[in-house]
Amino acid sequence: MEGQSTYGWRAKLGLIVPTTNTVNEAEWNLAAPEGVSIHSARMVLHTDLESSAGKAALQEDLTAALNSLAPAGLDAIAYGCTAGSLVTPREALADFMTGVCGLPCVTTGAAIVDALISLNVTSISVATPYDKRLNDHEAEFLEGQGIAVRSIEGLGYGANGPHEYALMHKVPKDEIMDLARRVDDPGAEGLLISCTDLPTFGIIEELEQTLDKPVVTSSQATLWAALAAAGLEPKLPGLGRLLA
């Protein structure tokens, strides 16, 4: 083990985020345990995950981002984007990434499902910043992974074009909490707050206490999965039952 004066002496995590995302890196840097450093790359947001051209474009941009990060001596790399990683089977995109860089890799889409499974949650309510098209796509993905979506509601970003995605980081945390409380179905076993560009660190435990159920968020689940991929299982305060 390297000396504690060295950044990342426990683990160095790579993080790939969309070009407009300003939340994921900030939240990870705030929450990272001592001895864990975060190293980022950026790429355009991909939401066409169905067509051959869409898949090829995603893989091309991911390859470039991975090749920019891998030489940094990282222990694991995460693709921190919810909408861009809702791929079935959920391991497929992370397996592709590992094939490119030879490192353990995780994606937000897979991390969300794995986090819910680890908490024994099989039915959820979902709060998102998205419009109906993306909400429908996410609900279909989650249902395909065996997670029942009892309710889902978004703030409508993207309805007037992808340029609106650059505004999601500005949503106040009290508005996110209002949305979460509004969408919560009493019969759901858990709540998911989707999107790595939606600020959620600092409200997770309060929502868990209010709703009396686990709360999983995109940035939180991806951090949990990335730490595990790097061989760490730290307990992080303030990030809910998943990281308690």
Foldseek 3Di string as FASTA:
>chain_A
DDDLVDALQLFEEEEEEEPLFDFLQVVCVVFPDRNYHYHYDYDHAQQPCDDPVSVVVVLVRLLVRLVVPLVVPGQEYEYQWQNRQLDPVNCVVQVSSCVNRVHRYHYLNVLQLVLCVVQVFQEEEEEEQAAPVSQVSSCVSSVVSRRHHPFYDHVHQQVVHVVSVSVQLVDDPVNSLVRQVVRGDLPGQEYEYETSRHDDQPCQVVSCVVSVHHYHYRSLSRSCVRCVSSVDLAQTPRSTPSRD
